[in-house]
Amino acid sequence: MTNLSYGEAKREVLALMKDIDVYLADGHTKNSIYEMYKAQGKITCKKAAFYRWVDRLSDQHPREVKNKTLPTAEKAVEASPVKIEEPRPTPTAPSEKETGLLVARPKLKRFED
């Protein structure tokens, strides 16, 4: 089997596309259409390339165009699965009055002027 030149698979499928659309509308599968044309020698491309070009060029399966606009910031925050929490207060050590324990603190030397 020889390699096809660049774009040859697309040209082969494009040449047969009207008939392929009729077969698809009648309920034939892409595989049965591929096998029929392969046996007749009308196509030489691989099955994956045939499927890809039929999907792209077919009237029966138009490609969906997705909206490529970005959501606004408010919608993005509403749709976000991550909860945005407010900052936590920094923990402080409990005072001696709260715990009832005396904490031993080292005495610091005082320097006098």
N, C-alpha and C. Protein backbone atom coordinates (compact mmCIF):
# COMPACT_ATOMS: atom_id res chain seq x y z
N MET A 1 0.85 -1.17 0.00
CA MET A 1 0.00 0.00 0.00
C MET A 1 0.90 1.23 0.00
N THR A 2 0.58 2.16 -0.88
CA THR A 2 1.37 3.37 -0.98
C THR A 2 0.74 4.48 -0.16
N ASN A 3 1.57 5.39 0.27
CA ASN A 3 1.06 6.55 1.01
C ASN A 3 0.39 7.51 0.05
N LEU A 4 -0.68 8.13 0.50
CA LEU A 4 -1.37 9.10 -0.31
C LEU A 4 -0.66 10.45 -0.20
N SER A 5 -0.80 11.24 -1.26
CA SER A 5 -0.24 12.58 -1.17
C SER A 5 -1.10 13.43 -0.26
N TYR A 6 -0.56 14.56 0.14
CA TYR A 6 -1.26 15.42 1.09
C TYR A 6 -2.60 15.84 0.51
N GLY A 7 -3.67 15.62 1.25
CA GLY A 7 -5.01 16.03 0.84
C GLY A 7 -5.73 15.06 -0.05
N GLU A 8 -5.11 13.93 -0.38
CA GLU A 8 -5.72 12.97 -1.29
C GLU A 8 -6.98 12.34 -0.69
N ALA A 9 -6.97 12.03 0.58
CA ALA A 9 -8.14 11.43 1.23
C ALA A 9 -9.33 12.39 1.17
N LYS A 10 -9.06 13.66 1.39
CA LYS A 10 -10.13 14.66 1.33
C LYS A 10 -10.70 14.73 -0.08
N ARG A 11 -9.84 14.71 -1.09
CA ARG A 11 -10.31 14.77 -2.47
C ARG A 11 -11.14 13.55 -2.83
N GLU A 12 -10.72 12.38 -2.37
CA GLU A 12 -11.47 11.16 -2.67
C GLU A 12 -12.87 11.21 -2.05
N VAL A 13 -12.94 11.62 -0.79
CA VAL A 13 -14.23 11.68 -0.10
C VAL A 13 -15.09 12.79 -0.70
N LEU A 14 -14.49 13.92 -1.01
CA LEU A 14 -15.23 15.05 -1.58
C LEU A 14 -15.85 14.68 -2.93
N ALA A 15 -15.14 13.88 -3.73
CA ALA A 15 -15.66 13.48 -5.03
C ALA A 15 -16.89 12.58 -4.90
N LEU A 16 -17.00 11.84 -3.80
CA LEU A 16 -18.11 10.91 -3.60
C LEU A 16 -19.13 11.42 -2.58
N MET A 17 -18.99 12.66 -2.12
CA MET A 17 -19.78 13.13 -0.98
C MET A 17 -21.28 13.14 -1.23
N LYS A 18 -21.73 13.48 -2.43
CA LYS A 18 -23.17 13.49 -2.72
C LYS A 18 -23.76 12.09 -2.55
N ASP A 19 -23.06 11.09 -3.07
CA ASP A 19 -23.54 9.71 -2.94
C ASP A 19 -23.46 9.24 -1.48
N ILE A 20 -22.40 9.65 -0.78
CA ILE A 20 -22.25 9.26 0.62
C ILE A 20 -23.40 9.82 1.45
N ASP A 21 -23.78 11.09 1.19
CA ASP A 21 -24.91 11.69 1.92
C ASP A 21 -26.21 10.93 1.65
N VAL A 22 -26.40 10.47 0.43
CA VAL A 22 -27.61 9.70 0.11
C VAL A 22 -27.60 8.37 0.88
N TYR A 23 -26.46 7.70 0.88
CA TYR A 23 -26.36 6.44 1.62
C TYR A 23 -26.59 6.64 3.11
N LEU A 24 -26.02 7.71 3.67
CA LEU A 24 -26.22 7.98 5.10
C LEU A 24 -27.69 8.28 5.40
N ALA A 25 -28.35 9.01 4.50
CA ALA A 25 -29.78 9.33 4.70
C ALA A 25 -30.63 8.06 4.62
N ASP A 26 -30.19 7.07 3.84
CA ASP A 26 -30.91 5.79 3.74
C ASP A 26 -30.65 4.88 4.92
N GLY A 27 -29.71 5.26 5.80
CA GLY A 27 -29.46 4.48 7.01
C GLY A 27 -28.24 3.59 6.96
N HIS A 28 -27.44 3.71 5.90
CA HIS A 28 -26.20 2.92 5.83
C HIS A 28 -25.18 3.50 6.81
N THR A 29 -24.32 2.64 7.30
CA THR A 29 -23.28 3.09 8.21
C THR A 29 -22.06 3.56 7.42
N LYS A 30 -21.22 4.35 8.09
CA LYS A 30 -19.99 4.80 7.43
C LYS A 30 -19.10 3.61 7.08
N ASN A 31 -19.12 2.60 7.93
CA ASN A 31 -18.28 1.43 7.68
C ASN A 31 -18.73 0.70 6.42
N SER A 32 -20.03 0.50 6.26
CA SER A 32 -20.51 -0.22 5.06
C SER A 32 -20.23 0.58 3.80
N ILE A 33 -20.36 1.91 3.87
CA ILE A 33 -20.06 2.76 2.71
C ILE A 33 -18.58 2.68 2.38
N TYR A 34 -17.73 2.73 3.41
CA TYR A 34 -16.28 2.65 3.20
C TYR A 34 -15.92 1.31 2.55
N GLU A 35 -16.45 0.23 3.08
CA GLU A 35 -16.12 -1.10 2.54
C GLU A 35 -16.57 -1.24 1.09
N MET A 36 -17.74 -0.67 0.75
CA MET A 36 -18.26 -0.76 -0.62
C MET A 36 -17.33 0.00 -1.59
N TYR A 37 -16.96 1.24 -1.23
CA TYR A 37 -16.10 2.02 -2.11
C TYR A 37 -14.69 1.45 -2.17
N LYS A 38 -14.22 0.88 -1.08
CA LYS A 38 -12.89 0.26 -1.06
C LYS A 38 -12.86 -0.95 -2.00
N ALA A 39 -13.94 -1.76 -1.96
CA ALA A 39 -14.02 -2.93 -2.83
C ALA A 39 -14.11 -2.53 -4.31
N GLN A 40 -14.78 -1.41 -4.59
CA GLN A 40 -14.91 -0.93 -5.96
C GLN A 40 -13.65 -0.23 -6.44
N GLY A 41 -12.73 0.08 -5.52
CA GLY A 41 -11.49 0.75 -5.88
C GLY A 41 -11.66 2.25 -6.07
N LYS A 42 -12.76 2.81 -5.60
CA LYS A 42 -12.99 4.24 -5.75
C LYS A 42 -12.25 5.07 -4.70
N ILE A 43 -11.87 4.44 -3.58
CA ILE A 43 -11.09 5.14 -2.57
C ILE A 43 -9.89 4.29 -2.18
N THR A 44 -8.83 4.97 -1.80
CA THR A 44 -7.62 4.27 -1.37
C THR A 44 -7.17 4.71 0.02
N CYS A 45 -7.92 5.64 0.61
CA CYS A 45 -7.52 6.17 1.91
C CYS A 45 -7.83 5.18 3.03
N LYS A 46 -7.28 5.43 4.18
CA LYS A 46 -7.54 4.58 5.34
C LYS A 46 -8.91 4.90 5.92
N LYS A 47 -9.42 3.97 6.70
CA LYS A 47 -10.76 4.11 7.26
C LYS A 47 -10.87 5.33 8.17
N ALA A 48 -9.86 5.59 8.99
CA ALA A 48 -9.91 6.73 9.91
C ALA A 48 -10.01 8.04 9.14
N ALA A 49 -9.25 8.16 8.06
CA ALA A 49 -9.30 9.38 7.25
C ALA A 49 -10.65 9.50 6.56
N PHE A 50 -11.20 8.40 6.09
CA PHE A 50 -12.54 8.41 5.47
C PHE A 50 -13.58 8.88 6.47
N TYR A 51 -13.56 8.31 7.67
CA TYR A 51 -14.52 8.71 8.71
C TYR A 51 -14.39 10.20 9.04
N ARG A 52 -13.14 10.65 9.21
CA ARG A 52 -12.91 12.04 9.58
C ARG A 52 -13.48 12.99 8.52
N TRP A 53 -13.22 12.72 7.25
CA TRP A 53 -13.69 13.61 6.19
C TRP A 53 -15.19 13.49 5.97
N VAL A 54 -15.75 12.33 6.17
CA VAL A 54 -17.21 12.21 6.06
C VAL A 54 -17.87 13.02 7.17
N ASP A 55 -17.32 12.95 8.38
CA ASP A 55 -17.88 13.72 9.49
C ASP A 55 -17.78 15.23 9.23
N ARG A 56 -16.68 15.65 8.65
CA ARG A 56 -16.49 17.08 8.41
C ARG A 56 -17.32 17.60 7.24
N LEU A 57 -17.52 16.79 6.21
CA LEU A 57 -18.15 17.27 4.99
C LEU A 57 -19.61 16.88 4.84
N SER A 58 -20.10 16.01 5.68
CA SER A 58 -21.44 15.47 5.51
C SER A 58 -22.53 16.49 5.84
N ASP A 59 -23.62 16.46 5.05
CA ASP A 59 -24.80 17.26 5.34
C ASP A 59 -25.60 16.65 6.47
N GLN A 60 -25.48 15.35 6.68
CA GLN A 60 -26.25 14.64 7.69
C GLN A 60 -25.73 14.92 9.10
N HIS A 61 -24.47 15.26 9.21
CA HIS A 61 -23.85 15.49 10.51
C HIS A 61 -23.12 16.83 10.50
N PRO A 62 -23.86 17.95 10.47
CA PRO A 62 -23.15 19.24 10.44
C PRO A 62 -22.39 19.47 11.73
N ARG A 63 -21.27 20.10 11.61
CA ARG A 63 -20.46 20.41 12.79
C ARG A 63 -21.12 21.52 13.57
N GLU A 64 -21.10 21.38 14.88
CA GLU A 64 -21.65 22.41 15.74
C GLU A 64 -20.60 23.49 15.96
N VAL A 65 -21.03 24.73 15.82
CA VAL A 65 -20.13 25.84 16.07
C VAL A 65 -20.38 26.29 17.50
N LYS A 66 -19.35 26.22 18.31
CA LYS A 66 -19.48 26.59 19.71
C LYS A 66 -19.30 28.09 19.87
N ASN A 67 -20.02 28.64 20.81
CA ASN A 67 -19.89 30.05 21.11
C ASN A 67 -18.57 30.26 21.83
N LYS A 68 -17.72 31.06 21.23
CA LYS A 68 -16.39 31.23 21.79
C LYS A 68 -16.25 32.50 22.64
N THR A 69 -17.37 33.11 23.00
CA THR A 69 -17.28 34.28 23.84
C THR A 69 -17.04 33.85 25.28
N LEU A 70 -16.31 34.64 25.99
CA LEU A 70 -16.00 34.33 27.38
C LEU A 70 -17.14 34.80 28.27
N PRO A 71 -17.45 34.07 29.33
CA PRO A 71 -18.50 34.52 30.24
C PRO A 71 -18.04 35.75 31.01
N THR A 72 -19.01 36.51 31.46
CA THR A 72 -18.67 37.67 32.26
C THR A 72 -18.14 37.20 33.62
N ALA A 73 -17.51 38.11 34.33
CA ALA A 73 -16.90 37.74 35.61
C ALA A 73 -17.94 37.27 36.61
N GLU A 74 -19.12 37.92 36.62
CA GLU A 74 -20.16 37.53 37.58
C GLU A 74 -20.65 36.11 37.30
N LYS A 75 -20.85 35.79 36.02
CA LYS A 75 -21.33 34.45 35.68
C LYS A 75 -20.27 33.41 35.96
N ALA A 76 -19.02 33.76 35.74
CA ALA A 76 -17.94 32.82 35.99
C ALA A 76 -17.84 32.51 37.47
N VAL A 77 -18.03 33.50 38.33
CA VAL A 77 -17.96 33.29 39.78
C VAL A 77 -19.15 32.46 40.23
N GLU A 78 -20.35 32.74 39.67
CA GLU A 78 -21.54 31.98 40.04
C GLU A 78 -21.41 30.52 39.63
N ALA A 79 -20.84 30.28 38.46
CA ALA A 79 -20.73 28.92 37.95
C ALA A 79 -19.52 28.18 38.50
N SER A 80 -18.66 28.86 39.21
CA SER A 80 -17.45 28.25 39.71
C SER A 80 -17.78 27.20 40.78
N PRO A 81 -17.22 25.99 40.67
CA PRO A 81 -17.48 24.98 41.67
C PRO A 81 -16.70 25.22 42.96
N VAL A 82 -15.74 26.12 42.93
CA VAL A 82 -14.90 26.39 44.09
C VAL A 82 -15.54 27.51 44.91
N LYS A 83 -15.71 27.26 46.19
CA LYS A 83 -16.25 28.30 47.06
C LYS A 83 -15.14 29.29 47.39
N ILE A 84 -15.51 30.54 47.31
CA ILE A 84 -14.56 31.58 47.68
C ILE A 84 -14.85 31.95 49.13
N GLU A 85 -13.89 31.67 50.00
CA GLU A 85 -14.07 31.92 51.42
C GLU A 85 -13.42 33.24 51.79
N GLU A 86 -13.99 33.86 52.81
CA GLU A 86 -13.38 35.07 53.30
C GLU A 86 -12.14 34.70 54.09
N PRO A 87 -11.17 35.61 54.18
CA PRO A 87 -9.94 35.27 54.88
C PRO A 87 -10.20 34.97 56.35
N ARG A 88 -9.50 33.99 56.83
CA ARG A 88 -9.66 33.59 58.24
C ARG A 88 -8.87 34.55 59.12
N PRO A 89 -9.37 34.81 60.33
CA PRO A 89 -8.59 35.66 61.23
C PRO A 89 -7.33 34.92 61.68
N THR A 90 -6.29 35.67 61.92
CA THR A 90 -5.05 35.04 62.35
C THR A 90 -5.22 34.54 63.79
N PRO A 91 -4.75 33.35 64.05
CA PRO A 91 -4.92 32.81 65.40
C PRO A 91 -4.00 33.55 66.39
N THR A 92 -4.52 33.75 67.56
CA THR A 92 -3.73 34.39 68.62
C THR A 92 -3.60 33.42 69.78
N ALA A 93 -2.53 33.58 70.51
CA ALA A 93 -2.32 32.72 71.68
C ALA A 93 -3.29 33.13 72.77
N PRO A 94 -3.88 32.18 73.47
CA PRO A 94 -4.81 32.54 74.54
C PRO A 94 -4.06 33.25 75.68
N SER A 95 -4.74 34.17 76.27
CA SER A 95 -4.11 34.93 77.37
C SER A 95 -4.13 34.09 78.65
N GLU A 96 -3.39 34.59 79.66
CA GLU A 96 -3.33 33.87 80.93
C GLU A 96 -4.69 33.84 81.61
N LYS A 97 -5.47 34.91 81.39
CA LYS A 97 -6.79 34.95 82.01
C LYS A 97 -7.71 33.90 81.40
N GLU A 98 -7.60 33.67 80.10
CA GLU A 98 -8.47 32.71 79.43
C GLU A 98 -8.15 31.28 79.83
N THR A 99 -6.86 30.95 79.99
CA THR A 99 -6.48 29.58 80.29
C THR A 99 -6.39 29.31 81.78
N GLY A 100 -6.15 30.32 82.54
CA GLY A 100 -5.98 30.13 83.98
C GLY A 100 -4.61 29.61 84.33
N LEU A 101 -3.71 29.51 83.38
CA LEU A 101 -2.36 29.04 83.62
C LEU A 101 -1.39 30.21 83.57
N LEU A 102 -0.36 30.11 84.38
CA LEU A 102 0.68 31.12 84.33
C LEU A 102 1.74 30.67 83.34
N VAL A 103 2.10 31.56 82.48
CA VAL A 103 3.09 31.24 81.46
C VAL A 103 4.42 31.84 81.91
N ALA A 104 5.45 31.01 81.94
CA ALA A 104 6.77 31.48 82.34
C ALA A 104 7.39 32.22 81.17
N ARG A 105 7.66 33.49 81.37
CA ARG A 105 8.27 34.29 80.33
C ARG A 105 9.64 34.73 80.83
N PRO A 106 10.62 34.68 79.99
CA PRO A 106 11.95 35.12 80.43
C PRO A 106 11.95 36.62 80.65
N LYS A 107 12.68 37.04 81.68
CA LYS A 107 12.79 38.47 81.93
C LYS A 107 13.89 39.03 81.06
N LEU A 108 13.58 40.13 80.44
CA LEU A 108 14.54 40.78 79.56
C LEU A 108 15.27 41.86 80.33
N LYS A 109 16.53 42.02 80.02
CA LYS A 109 17.33 43.06 80.66
C LYS A 109 16.90 44.39 80.11
N ARG A 110 16.88 45.35 81.01
CA ARG A 110 16.53 46.70 80.59
C ARG A 110 17.82 47.51 80.53
N PHE A 111 17.90 48.21 79.47
CA PHE A 111 19.03 49.11 79.34
C PHE A 111 18.58 50.51 79.69
N GLU A 112 19.31 51.10 80.58
CA GLU A 112 18.94 52.46 80.98
C GLU A 112 19.87 53.44 80.29
N ASP A 113 19.34 54.55 79.95
CA ASP A 113 20.12 55.58 79.27
C ASP A 113 20.98 56.32 80.22
